[in-house]
Amino acid sequence: MVRGRQTVVCAALAVGAVVLGTLTDYDVPAGPFAGSGPCADVVAGLPGALLGQGRDAVGGAGAAGWGGGAVVLRCGVRPLAPTVDTCVNVDGVDWVLDDERAGRSGVWVFTTYGREPAVEVAFSGGARSAGDALIAVNHGVRGFPQKSKCLALGDT
């Protein structure tokens, strides 16, 4: 009789795994530091809607998405080294645009600069409203200690 119960339990677990697997809209590769407590806090505090798009059910540690992947956030990515890529300060947080990727693929990827863990936000189809989205996610990111900041040519 024990064997019969084991079969039922295994079958229930398999069905549960299939059901849970379908609860995500898509998977996002986790950054190398995505498992950190600060990343969990950032993701938990993100808005349910961004740029008029609902939040997606995303698989992947430290990740969130909106609008079927139109905007994807990954916390715990590698911090950026000093760069000549475009840097913008959005409400007190420095964000660096991956200029090469934007030109090559049209995906605009902004990564925090001078904060750890680093956070990146990718916008498919350009970044017309990127500033608005970055302001919305800054609340959680602003809590990460700022170790360095972007410099303008006049600062050197």
C-alpha atoms as a PDB file:
ATOM      1  CA  MET A   1       0.000   0.000   0.000  1.00  0.00           C
ATOM      2  CA  VAL A   2       2.894   2.370   0.633  1.00  0.00           C
ATOM      3  CA  ARG A   3       3.989   1.995  -2.968  1.00  0.00           C
ATOM      4  CA  GLY A   4       0.557   3.163  -4.172  1.00  0.00           C
ATOM      5  CA  ARG A   5       0.758   6.277  -1.993  1.00  0.00           C
ATOM      6  CA  GLN A   6       4.237   7.041  -3.325  1.00  0.00           C
ATOM      7  CA  THR A   7       2.920   6.868  -6.879  1.00  0.00           C
ATOM      8  CA  VAL A   8       0.065   9.240  -6.078  1.00  0.00           C
ATOM      9  CA  VAL A   9       2.435  11.685  -4.331  1.00  0.00           C
ATOM     10  CA  CYS A  10       4.918  11.567  -7.241  1.00  0.00           C
ATOM     11  CA  ALA A  11       2.121  12.125  -9.747  1.00  0.00           C
ATOM     12  CA  ALA A  12       0.795  15.083  -7.727  1.00  0.00           C
ATOM     13  CA  LEU A  13       4.277  16.617  -7.540  1.00  0.00           C
ATOM     14  CA  ALA A  14       4.762  16.210 -11.282  1.00  0.00           C
ATOM     15  CA  VAL A  15       1.420  17.882 -12.035  1.00  0.00           C
ATOM     16  CA  GLY A  16       2.281  20.673  -9.582  1.00  0.00           C
ATOM     17  CA  ALA A  17       5.638  21.236 -11.291  1.00  0.00           C
ATOM     18  CA  VAL A  18       3.946  21.472 -14.694  1.00  0.00           C
ATOM     19  CA  VAL A  19       1.350  23.918 -13.375  1.00  0.00           C
ATOM     20  CA  LEU A  20       3.979  26.042 -11.631  1.00  0.00           C
ATOM     21  CA  GLY A  21       6.117  26.045 -14.758  1.00  0.00           C
ATOM     22  CA  THR A  22       3.296  27.624 -16.744  1.00  0.00           C
ATOM     23  CA  LEU A  23       2.778  30.451 -14.253  1.00  0.00           C
ATOM     24  CA  THR A  24       5.649  32.445 -15.740  1.00  0.00           C
ATOM     25  CA  ASP A  25       5.337  34.409 -18.967  1.00  0.00           C
ATOM     26  CA  TYR A  26       9.063  34.047 -19.733  1.00  0.00           C
ATOM     27  CA  ASP A  27      12.416  33.501 -18.045  1.00  0.00           C
ATOM     28  CA  VAL A  28      15.090  36.134 -17.584  1.00  0.00           C
ATOM     29  CA  PRO A  29      18.715  35.073 -17.060  1.00  0.00           C
ATOM     30  CA  ALA A  30      19.749  35.929 -13.525  1.00  0.00           C
ATOM     31  CA  GLY A  31      22.716  38.207 -12.926  1.00  0.00           C
ATOM     32  CA  PRO A  32      25.626  36.705 -10.968  1.00  0.00           C
ATOM     33  CA  PHE A  33      24.590  38.549  -7.791  1.00  0.00           C
ATOM     34  CA  ALA A  34      20.815  38.243  -8.225  1.00  0.00           C
ATOM     35  CA  GLY A  35      20.391  36.042  -5.167  1.00  0.00           C
ATOM     36  CA  SER A  36      21.335  38.847  -2.788  1.00  0.00           C
ATOM     37  CA  GLY A  37      18.857  40.129  -0.228  1.00  0.00           C
ATOM     38  CA  PRO A  38      18.931  43.668  -1.653  1.00  0.00           C
ATOM     39  CA  CYS A  39      17.844  42.358  -5.065  1.00  0.00           C
ATOM     40  CA  ALA A  40      14.898  40.508  -3.548  1.00  0.00           C
ATOM     41  CA  ASP A  41      13.867  43.750  -1.829  1.00  0.00           C
ATOM     42  CA  VAL A  42      14.152  45.755  -5.061  1.00  0.00           C
ATOM     43  CA  VAL A  43      12.048  43.276  -7.044  1.00  0.00           C
ATOM     44  CA  ALA A  44       9.421  43.055  -4.297  1.00  0.00           C
ATOM     45  CA  GLY A  45       9.074  46.847  -4.242  1.00  0.00           C
ATOM     46  CA  LEU A  46       8.661  47.335  -8.002  1.00  0.00           C
ATOM     47  CA  PRO A  47       5.392  48.730  -9.343  1.00  0.00           C
ATOM     48  CA  GLY A  48       2.624  46.523 -10.709  1.00  0.00           C
ATOM     49  CA  ALA A  49       2.433  48.674 -13.831  1.00  0.00           C
ATOM     50  CA  LEU A  50       5.137  50.553 -15.702  1.00  0.00           C
ATOM     51  CA  LEU A  51       4.624  52.864 -18.678  1.00  0.00           C
ATOM     52  CA  GLY A  52       1.003  51.731 -18.802  1.00  0.00           C
ATOM     53  CA  GLN A  53       1.995  48.058 -19.058  1.00  0.00           C
ATOM     54  CA  GLY A  54       1.108  45.389 -16.501  1.00  0.00           C
ATOM     55  CA  ARG A  55       3.807  43.469 -14.655  1.00  0.00           C
ATOM     56  CA  ASP A  56       4.656  40.096 -16.158  1.00  0.00           C
ATOM     57  CA  ALA A  57       5.103  36.826 -14.303  1.00  0.00           C
ATOM     58  CA  VAL A  58       8.839  36.400 -14.812  1.00  0.00           C
ATOM     59  CA  GLY A  59      11.032  33.448 -13.930  1.00  0.00           C
ATOM     60  CA  GLY A  60      14.542  34.291 -12.781  1.00  0.00           C
ATOM     61  CA  ALA A  61      16.099  35.558  -9.572  1.00  0.00           C
ATOM     62  CA  GLY A  62      16.258  39.322  -9.238  1.00  0.00           C
ATOM     63  CA  ALA A  63      14.185  39.899 -12.384  1.00  0.00           C
ATOM     64  CA  ALA A  64      10.955  41.663 -13.318  1.00  0.00           C
ATOM     65  CA  GLY A  65       9.251  42.568 -16.563  1.00  0.00           C
ATOM     66  CA  TRP A  66       6.354  44.562 -17.932  1.00  0.00           C
ATOM     67  CA  GLY A  67       4.375  44.570 -21.164  1.00  0.00           C
ATOM     68  CA  GLY A  68       5.296  41.080 -22.354  1.00  0.00           C
ATOM     69  CA  GLY A  69       9.009  41.829 -22.105  1.00  0.00           C
ATOM     70  CA  ALA A  70       8.899  45.377 -23.479  1.00  0.00           C
ATOM     71  CA  VAL A  71      10.704  46.410 -20.277  1.00  0.00           C
ATOM     72  CA  VAL A  72      12.878  43.952 -18.333  1.00  0.00           C
ATOM     73  CA  LEU A  73      14.758  44.633 -15.103  1.00  0.00           C
ATOM     74  CA  ARG A  74      17.621  42.496 -13.789  1.00  0.00           C
ATOM     75  CA  CYS A  75      19.135  43.145 -10.391  1.00  0.00           C
ATOM     76  CA  GLY A  76      22.515  41.694  -9.482  1.00  0.00           C
ATOM     77  CA  VAL A  77      24.321  42.227 -12.778  1.00  0.00           C
ATOM     78  CA  ARG A  78      28.051  42.967 -12.807  1.00  0.00           C
ATOM     79  CA  PRO A  79      28.864  46.566 -11.869  1.00  0.00           C
ATOM     80  CA  LEU A  80      30.163  48.640 -14.751  1.00  0.00           C
ATOM     81  CA  ALA A  81      33.765  49.726 -15.070  1.00  0.00           C
ATOM     82  CA  PRO A  82      34.422  53.353 -16.007  1.00  0.00           C
ATOM     83  CA  THR A  83      33.089  53.963 -19.514  1.00  0.00           C
ATOM     84  CA  VAL A  84      32.609  56.651 -22.129  1.00  0.00           C
ATOM     85  CA  ASP A  85      29.050  55.459 -22.823  1.00  0.00           C
ATOM     86  CA  THR A  86      26.222  57.906 -22.247  1.00  0.00           C
ATOM     87  CA  CYS A  87      25.472  58.464 -18.568  1.00  0.00           C
ATOM     88  CA  VAL A  88      22.350  60.171 -17.278  1.00  0.00           C
ATOM     89  CA  ASN A  89      21.433  61.103 -13.752  1.00  0.00           C
ATOM     90  CA  VAL A  90      17.798  60.284 -13.140  1.00  0.00           C
ATOM     91  CA  ASP A  91      16.516  61.682  -9.882  1.00  0.00           C
ATOM     92  CA  GLY A  92      19.843  61.110  -8.094  1.00  0.00           C
ATOM     93  CA  VAL A  93      20.780  57.746  -9.618  1.00  0.00           C
ATOM     94  CA  ASP A  94      23.380  57.450 -12.391  1.00  0.00           C
ATOM     95  CA  TRP A  95      22.394  55.174 -15.291  1.00  0.00           C
ATOM     96  CA  VAL A  96      24.690  54.262 -18.201  1.00  0.00           C
ATOM     97  CA  LEU A  97      23.251  53.481 -21.628  1.00  0.00           C
ATOM     98  CA  ASP A  98      24.905  50.646 -23.569  1.00  0.00           C
ATOM     99  CA  ASP A  99      25.389  52.780 -26.687  1.00  0.00           C
ATOM    100  CA  GLU A 100      26.739  49.941 -28.840  1.00  0.00           C
ATOM    101  CA  ARG A 101      23.839  47.613 -28.090  1.00  0.00           C
ATOM    102  CA  ALA A 102      21.281  50.367 -28.675  1.00  0.00           C
ATOM    103  CA  GLY A 103      22.771  51.077 -32.091  1.00  0.00           C
ATOM    104  CA  ARG A 104      23.110  47.420 -33.033  1.00  0.00           C
ATOM    105  CA  SER A 105      19.814  45.927 -31.864  1.00  0.00           C
ATOM    106  CA  GLY A 106      17.547  48.831 -30.962  1.00  0.00           C
ATOM    107  CA  VAL A 107      17.311  47.541 -27.388  1.00  0.00           C
ATOM    108  CA  TRP A 108      18.203  50.299 -24.954  1.00  0.00           C
ATOM    109  CA  VAL A 109      19.861  48.910 -21.830  1.00  0.00           C
ATOM    110  CA  PHE A 110      20.564  51.189 -18.885  1.00  0.00           C
ATOM    111  CA  THR A 111      22.721  49.969 -15.987  1.00  0.00           C
ATOM    112  CA  THR A 112      23.211  51.710 -12.676  1.00  0.00           C
ATOM    113  CA  TYR A 113      26.659  53.172 -12.239  1.00  0.00           C
ATOM    114  CA  GLY A 114      28.571  53.273  -8.961  1.00  0.00           C
ATOM    115  CA  ARG A 115      26.075  51.166  -6.979  1.00  0.00           C
ATOM    116  CA  GLU A 116      26.237  47.540  -5.900  1.00  0.00           C
ATOM    117  CA  PRO A 117      24.507  45.355  -6.671  1.00  0.00           C
ATOM    118  CA  ALA A 118      24.072  46.846 -10.123  1.00  0.00           C
ATOM    119  CA  VAL A 119      20.665  46.947 -11.779  1.00  0.00           C
ATOM    120  CA  GLU A 120      19.938  46.961 -15.509  1.00  0.00           C
ATOM    121  CA  VAL A 121      16.735  47.889 -17.259  1.00  0.00           C
ATOM    122  CA  ALA A 122      16.235  46.934 -20.928  1.00  0.00           C
ATOM    123  CA  PHE A 123      13.715  48.624 -23.218  1.00  0.00           C
ATOM    124  CA  SER A 124      12.769  46.864 -26.446  1.00  0.00           C
ATOM    125  CA  GLY A 125      12.114  49.192 -29.332  1.00  0.00           C
ATOM    126  CA  GLY A 126      13.965  52.200 -27.957  1.00  0.00           C
ATOM    127  CA  ALA A 127      13.689  54.281 -24.867  1.00  0.00           C
ATOM    128  CA  ARG A 128      11.140  56.973 -25.582  1.00  0.00           C
ATOM    129  CA  SER A 129       9.873  56.849 -21.998  1.00  0.00           C
ATOM    130  CA  ALA A 130      12.955  55.391 -20.329  1.00  0.00           C
ATOM    131  CA  GLY A 131      13.301  58.316 -17.931  1.00  0.00           C
ATOM    132  CA  ASP A 132       9.795  57.766 -16.569  1.00  0.00           C
ATOM    133  CA  ALA A 133      10.476  54.058 -16.065  1.00  0.00           C
ATOM    134  CA  LEU A 134      13.840  54.674 -14.400  1.00  0.00           C
ATOM    135  CA  ILE A 135      12.224  57.130 -11.981  1.00  0.00           C
ATOM    136  CA  ALA A 136       9.706  54.410 -11.059  1.00  0.00           C
ATOM    137  CA  VAL A 137      12.426  51.832 -10.247  1.00  0.00           C
ATOM    138  CA  ASN A 138      14.809  54.301  -8.568  1.00  0.00           C
ATOM    139  CA  HIS A 139      13.081  53.981  -5.196  1.00  0.00           C
ATOM    140  CA  GLY A 140      14.629  50.592  -4.485  1.00  0.00           C
ATOM    141  CA  VAL A 141      17.920  51.275  -6.255  1.00  0.00           C
ATOM    142  CA  ARG A 142      18.559  54.499  -4.365  1.00  0.00           C
ATOM    143  CA  GLY A 143      19.033  52.421  -1.194  1.00  0.00           C
ATOM    144  CA  PHE A 144      22.194  50.807  -2.592  1.00  0.00           C
ATOM    145  CA  PRO A 145      25.301  52.682  -1.431  1.00  0.00           C
ATOM    146  CA  GLN A 146      26.799  54.919  -4.114  1.00  0.00           C
ATOM    147  CA  LYS A 147      30.526  54.197  -4.426  1.00  0.00           C
ATOM    148  CA  SER A 148      31.242  56.345  -7.485  1.00  0.00           C
ATOM    149  CA  LYS A 149      29.389  58.595  -9.894  1.00  0.00           C
ATOM    150  CA  CYS A 150      29.424  59.574 -13.531  1.00  0.00           C
ATOM    151  CA  LEU A 151      31.668  62.464 -14.459  1.00  0.00           C
ATOM    152  CA  ALA A 152      31.199  65.039 -17.166  1.00  0.00           C
ATOM    153  CA  LEU A 153      34.131  66.284 -19.233  1.00  0.00           C
ATOM    154  CA  GLY A 154      34.187  69.422 -17.119  1.00  0.00           C
ATOM    155  CA  ASP A 155      34.661  67.323 -13.965  1.00  0.00           C
ATOM    156  CA  THR A 156      38.026  65.924 -15.048  1.00  0.00           C
END
